[in-house]
Amino acid sequence: MIDYEKQSEVLKALAHPVRLRMVEGLLANECHVDKMVQSLGLPQSTVSQHLSILKNKGIVRVRKEGVRTCYKVVNPMVGELLAVLK
């Protein structure tokens, strides 16, 4: 059975162009914040706010690597959604 509340929250989190770009990149590779800041051309605080939303909705997982924080997409539905969008 589909948990409509949970799935709608995931869709809301993905309903931003920057977050879509972020998850597309994170599907291919785990990445740290500094690399995303450079790639997206956005301030670190903005990237961190978007990552926080994705993390809180269970879309990405966080892993500490020394002083770096790395992110990876862990929700399998995200890849399927991006494939449909393409």
PDB file of N, CA and C in Angstrom:
ATOM      1  N   MET A   1       0.842  -1.182   0.000  1.00  0.00           N
ATOM      2  CA  MET A   1       0.000   0.000   0.000  1.00  0.00           C
ATOM      3  C   MET A   1       0.895   1.256   0.000  1.00  0.00           C
ATOM      4  N   ILE A   2       0.487   2.235  -0.716  1.00  0.00           N
ATOM      5  CA  ILE A   2       1.257   3.477  -0.845  1.00  0.00           C
ATOM      6  C   ILE A   2       0.988   4.374   0.361  1.00  0.00           C
ATOM      7  N   ASP A   3       2.043   4.902   0.918  1.00  0.00           N
ATOM      8  CA  ASP A   3       1.935   5.897   1.983  1.00  0.00           C
ATOM      9  C   ASP A   3       1.897   7.261   1.286  1.00  0.00           C
ATOM     10  N   TYR A   4       0.697   7.725   0.981  1.00  0.00           N
ATOM     11  CA  TYR A   4       0.532   8.948   0.190  1.00  0.00           C
ATOM     12  C   TYR A   4       1.124  10.176   0.876  1.00  0.00           C
ATOM     13  N   GLU A   5       1.009  10.259   2.184  1.00  0.00           N
ATOM     14  CA  GLU A   5       1.579  11.400   2.905  1.00  0.00           C
ATOM     15  C   GLU A   5       3.092  11.446   2.740  1.00  0.00           C
ATOM     16  N   LYS A   6       3.752  10.313   2.969  1.00  0.00           N
ATOM     17  CA  LYS A   6       5.210  10.256   2.868  1.00  0.00           C
ATOM     18  C   LYS A   6       5.676  10.533   1.447  1.00  0.00           C
ATOM     19  N   GLN A   7       5.023   9.928   0.464  1.00  0.00           N
ATOM     20  CA  GLN A   7       5.424  10.119  -0.927  1.00  0.00           C
ATOM     21  C   GLN A   7       5.200  11.553  -1.384  1.00  0.00           C
ATOM     22  N   SER A   8       4.140  12.184  -0.913  1.00  0.00           N
ATOM     23  CA  SER A   8       3.906  13.583  -1.298  1.00  0.00           C
ATOM     24  C   SER A   8       4.968  14.496  -0.692  1.00  0.00           C
ATOM     25  N   GLU A   9       5.456  14.167   0.501  1.00  0.00           N
ATOM     26  CA  GLU A   9       6.528  14.951   1.113  1.00  0.00           C
ATOM     27  C   GLU A   9       7.826  14.815   0.316  1.00  0.00           C
ATOM     28  N   VAL A  10       8.109  13.618  -0.183  1.00  0.00           N
ATOM     29  CA  VAL A  10       9.289  13.412  -1.031  1.00  0.00           C
ATOM     30  C   VAL A  10       9.153  14.235  -2.309  1.00  0.00           C
ATOM     31  N   LEU A  11       7.985  14.195  -2.909  1.00  0.00           N
ATOM     32  CA  LEU A  11       7.767  14.962  -4.142  1.00  0.00           C
ATOM     33  C   LEU A  11       7.892  16.462  -3.906  1.00  0.00           C
ATOM     34  N   LYS A  12       7.397  16.940  -2.766  1.00  0.00           N
ATOM     35  CA  LYS A  12       7.534  18.362  -2.441  1.00  0.00           C
ATOM     36  C   LYS A  12       9.010  18.744  -2.303  1.00  0.00           C
ATOM     37  N   ALA A  13       9.769  17.878  -1.667  1.00  0.00           N
ATOM     38  CA  ALA A  13      11.201  18.163  -1.486  1.00  0.00           C
ATOM     39  C   ALA A  13      11.918  18.213  -2.824  1.00  0.00           C
ATOM     40  N   LEU A  14      11.489  17.414  -3.777  1.00  0.00           N
ATOM     41  CA  LEU A  14      12.122  17.383  -5.098  1.00  0.00           C
ATOM     42  C   LEU A  14      11.598  18.470  -6.031  1.00  0.00           C
ATOM     43  N   ALA A  15      10.563  19.169  -5.605  1.00  0.00           N
ATOM     44  CA  ALA A  15       9.914  20.154  -6.470  1.00  0.00           C
ATOM     45  C   ALA A  15      10.649  21.497  -6.479  1.00  0.00           C
ATOM     46  N   HIS A  16      11.953  21.441  -6.554  1.00  0.00           N
ATOM     47  CA  HIS A  16      12.766  22.653  -6.658  1.00  0.00           C
ATOM     48  C   HIS A  16      13.898  22.344  -7.640  1.00  0.00           C
ATOM     49  N   PRO A  17      14.150  23.222  -8.600  1.00  0.00           N
ATOM     50  CA  PRO A  17      15.154  22.930  -9.624  1.00  0.00           C
ATOM     51  C   PRO A  17      16.554  22.647  -9.065  1.00  0.00           C
ATOM     52  N   VAL A  18      16.949  23.354  -8.030  1.00  0.00           N
ATOM     53  CA  VAL A  18      18.283  23.125  -7.456  1.00  0.00           C
ATOM     54  C   VAL A  18      18.353  21.739  -6.824  1.00  0.00           C
ATOM     55  N   ARG A  19      17.311  21.362  -6.092  1.00  0.00           N
ATOM     56  CA  ARG A  19      17.320  20.037  -5.448  1.00  0.00           C
ATOM     57  C   ARG A  19      17.272  18.930  -6.492  1.00  0.00           C
ATOM     58  N   LEU A  20      16.563  19.137  -7.589  1.00  0.00           N
ATOM     59  CA  LEU A  20      16.569  18.137  -8.667  1.00  0.00           C
ATOM     60  C   LEU A  20      17.971  17.974  -9.242  1.00  0.00           C
ATOM     61  N   ARG A  21      18.655  19.080  -9.462  1.00  0.00           N
ATOM     62  CA  ARG A  21      20.038  19.007  -9.967  1.00  0.00           C
ATOM     63  C   ARG A  21      20.942  18.294  -8.970  1.00  0.00           C
ATOM     64  N   MET A  22      20.737  18.591  -7.701  1.00  0.00           N
ATOM     65  CA  MET A  22      21.563  17.975  -6.664  1.00  0.00           C
ATOM     66  C   MET A  22      21.375  16.457  -6.638  1.00  0.00           C
ATOM     67  N   VAL A  23      20.135  16.007  -6.635  1.00  0.00           N
ATOM     68  CA  VAL A  23      19.914  14.557  -6.558  1.00  0.00           C
ATOM     69  C   VAL A  23      20.357  13.862  -7.838  1.00  0.00           C
ATOM     70  N   GLU A  24      20.253  14.534  -8.965  1.00  0.00           N
ATOM     71  CA  GLU A  24      20.731  13.929 -10.205  1.00  0.00           C
ATOM     72  C   GLU A  24      22.239  13.655 -10.106  1.00  0.00           C
ATOM     73  N   GLY A  25      22.972  14.628  -9.604  1.00  0.00           N
ATOM     74  CA  GLY A  25      24.410  14.442  -9.431  1.00  0.00           C
ATOM     75  C   GLY A  25      24.735  13.412  -8.364  1.00  0.00           C
ATOM     76  N   LEU A  26      23.965  13.403  -7.294  1.00  0.00           N
ATOM     77  CA  LEU A  26      24.225  12.474  -6.195  1.00  0.00           C
ATOM     78  C   LEU A  26      23.823  11.037  -6.523  1.00  0.00           C
ATOM     79  N   LEU A  27      22.977  10.853  -7.512  1.00  0.00           N
ATOM     80  CA  LEU A  27      22.633   9.493  -7.937  1.00  0.00           C
ATOM     81  C   LEU A  27      23.848   8.801  -8.540  1.00  0.00           C
ATOM     82  N   ALA A  28      24.650   9.570  -9.239  1.00  0.00           N
ATOM     83  CA  ALA A  28      25.823   9.008  -9.908  1.00  0.00           C
ATOM     84  C   ALA A  28      26.973   8.797  -8.928  1.00  0.00           C
ATOM     85  N   ASN A  29      27.167   9.745  -8.040  1.00  0.00           N
ATOM     86  CA  ASN A  29      28.311   9.696  -7.130  1.00  0.00           C
ATOM     87  C   ASN A  29      27.970  10.304  -5.788  1.00  0.00           C
ATOM     88  N   GLU A  30      28.544   9.725  -4.746  1.00  0.00           N
ATOM     89  CA  GLU A  30      28.491  10.356  -3.436  1.00  0.00           C
ATOM     90  C   GLU A  30      29.330  11.625  -3.547  1.00  0.00           C
ATOM     91  N   CYS A  31      28.941  12.670  -2.858  1.00  0.00           N
ATOM     92  CA  CYS A  31      29.620  13.946  -3.046  1.00  0.00           C
ATOM     93  C   CYS A  31      29.658  14.728  -1.742  1.00  0.00           C
ATOM     94  N   HIS A  32      30.667  15.559  -1.606  1.00  0.00           N
ATOM     95  CA  HIS A  32      30.744  16.423  -0.431  1.00  0.00           C
ATOM     96  C   HIS A  32      30.252  17.826  -0.776  1.00  0.00           C
ATOM     97  N   VAL A  33      29.930  18.570   0.249  1.00  0.00           N
ATOM     98  CA  VAL A  33      29.307  19.881   0.096  1.00  0.00           C
ATOM     99  C   VAL A  33      30.161  20.829  -0.742  1.00  0.00           C
ATOM    100  N   ASP A  34      31.459  20.860  -0.501  1.00  0.00           N
ATOM    101  CA  ASP A  34      32.321  21.794  -1.242  1.00  0.00           C
ATOM    102  C   ASP A  34      32.221  21.581  -2.747  1.00  0.00           C
ATOM    103  N   LYS A  35      32.176  20.336  -3.168  1.00  0.00           N
ATOM    104  CA  LYS A  35      32.074  20.039  -4.597  1.00  0.00           C
ATOM    105  C   LYS A  35      30.728  20.520  -5.154  1.00  0.00           C
ATOM    106  N   MET A  36      29.651  20.345  -4.373  1.00  0.00           N
ATOM    107  CA  MET A  36      28.336  20.804  -4.820  1.00  0.00           C
ATOM    108  C   MET A  36      28.286  22.320  -4.911  1.00  0.00           C
ATOM    109  N   VAL A  37      28.913  23.005  -3.964  1.00  0.00           N
ATOM    110  CA  VAL A  37      28.951  24.469  -3.988  1.00  0.00           C
ATOM    111  C   VAL A  37      29.616  24.938  -5.272  1.00  0.00           C
ATOM    112  N   GLN A  38      30.746  24.336  -5.625  1.00  0.00           N
ATOM    113  CA  GLN A  38      31.461  24.705  -6.852  1.00  0.00           C
ATOM    114  C   GLN A  38      30.636  24.379  -8.087  1.00  0.00           C
ATOM    115  N   SER A  39      30.043  23.204  -8.110  1.00  0.00           N
ATOM    116  CA  SER A  39      29.285  22.754  -9.277  1.00  0.00           C
ATOM    117  C   SER A  39      28.031  23.581  -9.514  1.00  0.00           C
ATOM    118  N   LEU A  40      27.336  23.910  -8.424  1.00  0.00           N
ATOM    119  CA  LEU A  40      26.074  24.645  -8.553  1.00  0.00           C
ATOM    120  C   LEU A  40      26.263  26.156  -8.606  1.00  0.00           C
ATOM    121  N   GLY A  41      27.411  26.640  -8.139  1.00  0.00           N
ATOM    122  CA  GLY A  41      27.659  28.077  -8.120  1.00  0.00           C
ATOM    123  C   GLY A  41      26.780  28.811  -7.125  1.00  0.00           C
ATOM    124  N   LEU A  42      26.467  28.138  -6.021  1.00  0.00           N
ATOM    125  CA  LEU A  42      25.621  28.721  -4.985  1.00  0.00           C
ATOM    126  C   LEU A  42      26.406  28.831  -3.688  1.00  0.00           C
ATOM    127  N   PRO A  43      25.985  29.727  -2.796  1.00  0.00           N
ATOM    128  CA  PRO A  43      26.656  29.825  -1.496  1.00  0.00           C
ATOM    129  C   PRO A  43      26.515  28.514  -0.705  1.00  0.00           C
ATOM    130  N   GLN A  44      27.503  28.255   0.131  1.00  0.00           N
ATOM    131  CA  GLN A  44      27.500  27.032   0.932  1.00  0.00           C
ATOM    132  C   GLN A  44      26.260  26.930   1.806  1.00  0.00           C
ATOM    133  N   SER A  45      25.807  28.047   2.351  1.00  0.00           N
ATOM    134  CA  SER A  45      24.624  28.026   3.226  1.00  0.00           C
ATOM    135  C   SER A  45      23.375  27.602   2.450  1.00  0.00           C
ATOM    136  N   THR A  46      23.258  28.037   1.211  1.00  0.00           N
ATOM    137  CA  THR A  46      22.108  27.667   0.376  1.00  0.00           C
ATOM    138  C   THR A  46      22.141  26.179   0.051  1.00  0.00           C
ATOM    139  N   VAL A  47      23.299  25.680  -0.322  1.00  0.00           N
ATOM    140  CA  VAL A  47      23.446  24.253  -0.622  1.00  0.00           C
ATOM    141  C   VAL A  47      23.113  23.427   0.625  1.00  0.00           C
ATOM    142  N   SER A  48      23.599  23.857   1.778  1.00  0.00           N
ATOM    143  CA  SER A  48      23.333  23.136   3.018  1.00  0.00           C
ATOM    144  C   SER A  48      21.847  23.129   3.369  1.00  0.00           C
ATOM    145  N   GLN A  49      21.152  24.226   3.110  1.00  0.00           N
ATOM    146  CA  GLN A  49      19.710  24.273   3.377  1.00  0.00           C
ATOM    147  C   GLN A  49      18.970  23.274   2.495  1.00  0.00           C
ATOM    148  N   HIS A  50      19.333  23.200   1.220  1.00  0.00           N
ATOM    149  CA  HIS A  50      18.695  22.254   0.312  1.00  0.00           C
ATOM    150  C   HIS A  50      19.010  20.817   0.731  1.00  0.00           C
ATOM    151  N   LEU A  51      20.244  20.559   1.111  1.00  0.00           N
ATOM    152  CA  LEU A  51      20.627  19.211   1.551  1.00  0.00           C
ATOM    153  C   LEU A  51      19.889  18.811   2.819  1.00  0.00           C
ATOM    154  N   SER A  52      19.666  19.754   3.688  1.00  0.00           N
ATOM    155  CA  SER A  52      18.928  19.484   4.925  1.00  0.00           C
ATOM    156  C   SER A  52      17.499  19.035   4.617  1.00  0.00           C
ATOM    157  N   ILE A  53      16.872  19.681   3.668  1.00  0.00           N
ATOM    158  CA  ILE A  53      15.515  19.299   3.255  1.00  0.00           C
ATOM    159  C   ILE A  53      15.523  17.885   2.688  1.00  0.00           C
ATOM    160  N   LEU A  54      16.493  17.595   1.818  1.00  0.00           N
ATOM    161  CA  LEU A  54      16.579  16.257   1.214  1.00  0.00           C
ATOM    162  C   LEU A  54      16.857  15.190   2.276  1.00  0.00           C
ATOM    163  N   LYS A  55      17.678  15.517   3.246  1.00  0.00           N
ATOM    164  CA  LYS A  55      17.995  14.571   4.318  1.00  0.00           C
ATOM    165  C   LYS A  55      16.770  14.321   5.194  1.00  0.00           C
ATOM    166  N   ASN A  56      16.070  15.378   5.564  1.00  0.00           N
ATOM    167  CA  ASN A  56      14.905  15.248   6.438  1.00  0.00           C
ATOM    168  C   ASN A  56      13.773  14.441   5.803  1.00  0.00           C
ATOM    169  N   LYS A  57      13.730  14.394   4.492  1.00  0.00           N
ATOM    170  CA  LYS A  57      12.690  13.630   3.792  1.00  0.00           C
ATOM    171  C   LYS A  57      13.155  12.231   3.419  1.00  0.00           C
ATOM    172  N   GLY A  58      14.353  11.857   3.858  1.00  0.00           N
ATOM    173  CA  GLY A  58      14.849  10.501   3.621  1.00  0.00           C
ATOM    174  C   GLY A  58      15.324  10.259   2.201  1.00  0.00           C
ATOM    175  N   ILE A  59      15.676  11.327   1.506  1.00  0.00           N
ATOM    176  CA  ILE A  59      16.119  11.204   0.116  1.00  0.00           C
ATOM    177  C   ILE A  59      17.619  10.964   0.047  1.00  0.00           C
ATOM    178  N   VAL A  60      18.363  11.634   0.914  1.00  0.00           N
ATOM    179  CA  VAL A  60      19.817  11.449   0.947  1.00  0.00           C
ATOM    180  C   VAL A  60      20.250  10.989   2.329  1.00  0.00           C
ATOM    181  N   ARG A  61      21.428  10.364   2.348  1.00  0.00           N
ATOM    182  CA  ARG A  61      22.058   9.934   3.594  1.00  0.00           C
ATOM    183  C   ARG A  61      23.348  10.731   3.748  1.00  0.00           C
ATOM    184  N   VAL A  62      23.692  11.020   4.990  1.00  0.00           N
ATOM    185  CA  VAL A  62      24.890  11.787   5.308  1.00  0.00           C
ATOM    186  C   VAL A  62      25.945  10.841   5.873  1.00  0.00           C
ATOM    187  N   ARG A  63      27.184  11.087   5.456  1.00  0.00           N
ATOM    188  CA  ARG A  63      28.308  10.315   5.985  1.00  0.00           C
ATOM    189  C   ARG A  63      29.466  11.280   6.209  1.00  0.00           C
ATOM    190  N   LYS A  64      30.037  11.214   7.407  1.00  0.00           N
ATOM    191  CA  LYS A  64      31.191  12.063   7.734  1.00  0.00           C
ATOM    192  C   LYS A  64      32.451  11.384   7.244  1.00  0.00           C
ATOM    193  N   GLU A  65      33.313  12.176   6.621  1.00  0.00           N
ATOM    194  CA  GLU A  65      34.607  11.710   6.128  1.00  0.00           C
ATOM    195  C   GLU A  65      35.646  12.715   6.605  1.00  0.00           C
ATOM    196  N   GLY A  66      36.156  12.490   7.807  1.00  0.00           N
ATOM    197  CA  GLY A  66      37.049  13.479   8.410  1.00  0.00           C
ATOM    198  C   GLY A  66      36.272  14.744   8.701  1.00  0.00           C
ATOM    199  N   VAL A  67      36.718  15.861   8.130  1.00  0.00           N
ATOM    200  CA  VAL A  67      36.021  17.132   8.324  1.00  0.00           C
ATOM    201  C   VAL A  67      34.958  17.367   7.251  1.00  0.00           C
ATOM    202  N   ARG A  68      34.935  16.517   6.247  1.00  0.00           N
ATOM    203  CA  ARG A  68      33.960  16.658   5.158  1.00  0.00           C
ATOM    204  C   ARG A  68      32.683  15.893   5.461  1.00  0.00           C
ATOM    205  N   THR A  69      31.591  16.417   4.937  1.00  0.00           N
ATOM    206  CA  THR A  69      30.302  15.743   5.036  1.00  0.00           C
ATOM    207  C   THR A  69      29.910  15.324   3.634  1.00  0.00           C
ATOM    208  N   CYS A  70      29.691  14.031   3.446  1.00  0.00           N
ATOM    209  CA  CYS A  70      29.362  13.488   2.133  1.00  0.00           C
ATOM    210  C   CYS A  70      27.891  13.084   2.098  1.00  0.00           C
ATOM    211  N   TYR A  71      27.292  13.205   0.933  1.00  0.00           N
ATOM    212  CA  TYR A  71      25.885  12.894   0.749  1.00  0.00           C
ATOM    213  C   TYR A  71      25.707  11.888  -0.377  1.00  0.00           C
ATOM    214  N   LYS A  72      24.685  11.060  -0.239  1.00  0.00           N
ATOM    215  CA  LYS A  72      24.369  10.059  -1.255  1.00  0.00           C
ATOM    216  C   LYS A  72      22.857   9.838  -1.273  1.00  0.00           C
ATOM    217  N   VAL A  73      22.291   9.688  -2.464  1.00  0.00           N
ATOM    218  CA  VAL A  73      20.863   9.399  -2.585  1.00  0.00           C
ATOM    219  C   VAL A  73      20.613   7.961  -2.123  1.00  0.00           C
ATOM    220  N   VAL A  74      19.633   7.794  -1.238  1.00  0.00           N
ATOM    221  CA  VAL A  74      19.310   6.465  -0.722  1.00  0.00           C
ATOM    222  C   VAL A  74      17.868   6.053  -1.007  1.00  0.00           C
ATOM    223  N   ASN A  75      17.064   6.964  -1.506  1.00  0.00           N
ATOM    224  CA  ASN A  75      15.678   6.646  -1.824  1.00  0.00           C
ATOM    225  C   ASN A  75      15.617   6.156  -3.273  1.00  0.00           C
ATOM    226  N   PRO A  76      15.291   4.870  -3.481  1.00  0.00           N
ATOM    227  CA  PRO A  76      15.309   4.315  -4.835  1.00  0.00           C
ATOM    228  C   PRO A  76      14.283   4.951  -5.783  1.00  0.00           C
ATOM    229  N   MET A  77      13.239   5.517  -5.238  1.00  0.00           N
ATOM    230  CA  MET A  77      12.210   6.143  -6.065  1.00  0.00           C
ATOM    231  C   MET A  77      12.761   7.360  -6.817  1.00  0.00           C
ATOM    232  N   VAL A  78      13.767   8.017  -6.256  1.00  0.00           N
ATOM    233  CA  VAL A  78      14.308   9.236  -6.847  1.00  0.00           C
ATOM    234  C   VAL A  78      14.884   8.966  -8.232  1.00  0.00           C
ATOM    235  N   GLY A  79      15.642   7.901  -8.368  1.00  0.00           N
ATOM    236  CA  GLY A  79      16.200   7.549  -9.669  1.00  0.00           C
ATOM    237  C   GLY A  79      15.127   7.273 -10.699  1.00  0.00           C
ATOM    238  N   GLU A  80      14.083   6.591 -10.277  1.00  0.00           N
ATOM    239  CA  GLU A  80      12.971   6.292 -11.183  1.00  0.00           C
ATOM    240  C   GLU A  80      12.260   7.578 -11.607  1.00  0.00           C
ATOM    241  N   LEU A  81      12.066   8.484 -10.675  1.00  0.00           N
ATOM    242  CA  LEU A  81      11.406   9.760 -10.999  1.00  0.00           C
ATOM    243  C   LEU A  81      12.229  10.580 -11.997  1.00  0.00           C
ATOM    244  N   LEU A  82      13.537  10.643 -11.779  1.00  0.00           N
ATOM    245  CA  LEU A  82      14.381  11.390 -12.708  1.00  0.00           C
ATOM    246  C   LEU A  82      14.400  10.758 -14.087  1.00  0.00           C
ATOM    247  N   ALA A  83      14.349   9.449 -14.139  1.00  0.00           N
ATOM    248  CA  ALA A  83      14.302   8.768 -15.446  1.00  0.00           C
ATOM    249  C   ALA A  83      13.020   9.141 -16.192  1.00  0.00           C
ATOM    250  N   VAL A  84      11.925   9.239 -15.473  1.00  0.00           N
ATOM    251  CA  VAL A  84      10.650   9.636 -16.093  1.00  0.00           C
ATOM    252  C   VAL A  84      10.723  11.084 -16.581  1.00  0.00           C
ATOM    253  N   LEU A  85      11.351  11.944 -15.799  1.00  0.00           N
ATOM    254  CA  LEU A  85      11.452  13.356 -16.186  1.00  0.00           C
ATOM    255  C   LEU A  85      12.304  13.557 -17.430  1.00  0.00           C
ATOM    256  N   LYS A  86      13.297  12.693 -17.609  1.00  0.00           N
ATOM    257  CA  LYS A  86      14.160  12.818 -18.779  1.00  0.00           C
ATOM    258  C   LYS A  86      13.417  12.406 -20.017  1.00  0.00           C
TER     259      LYS A  86
END
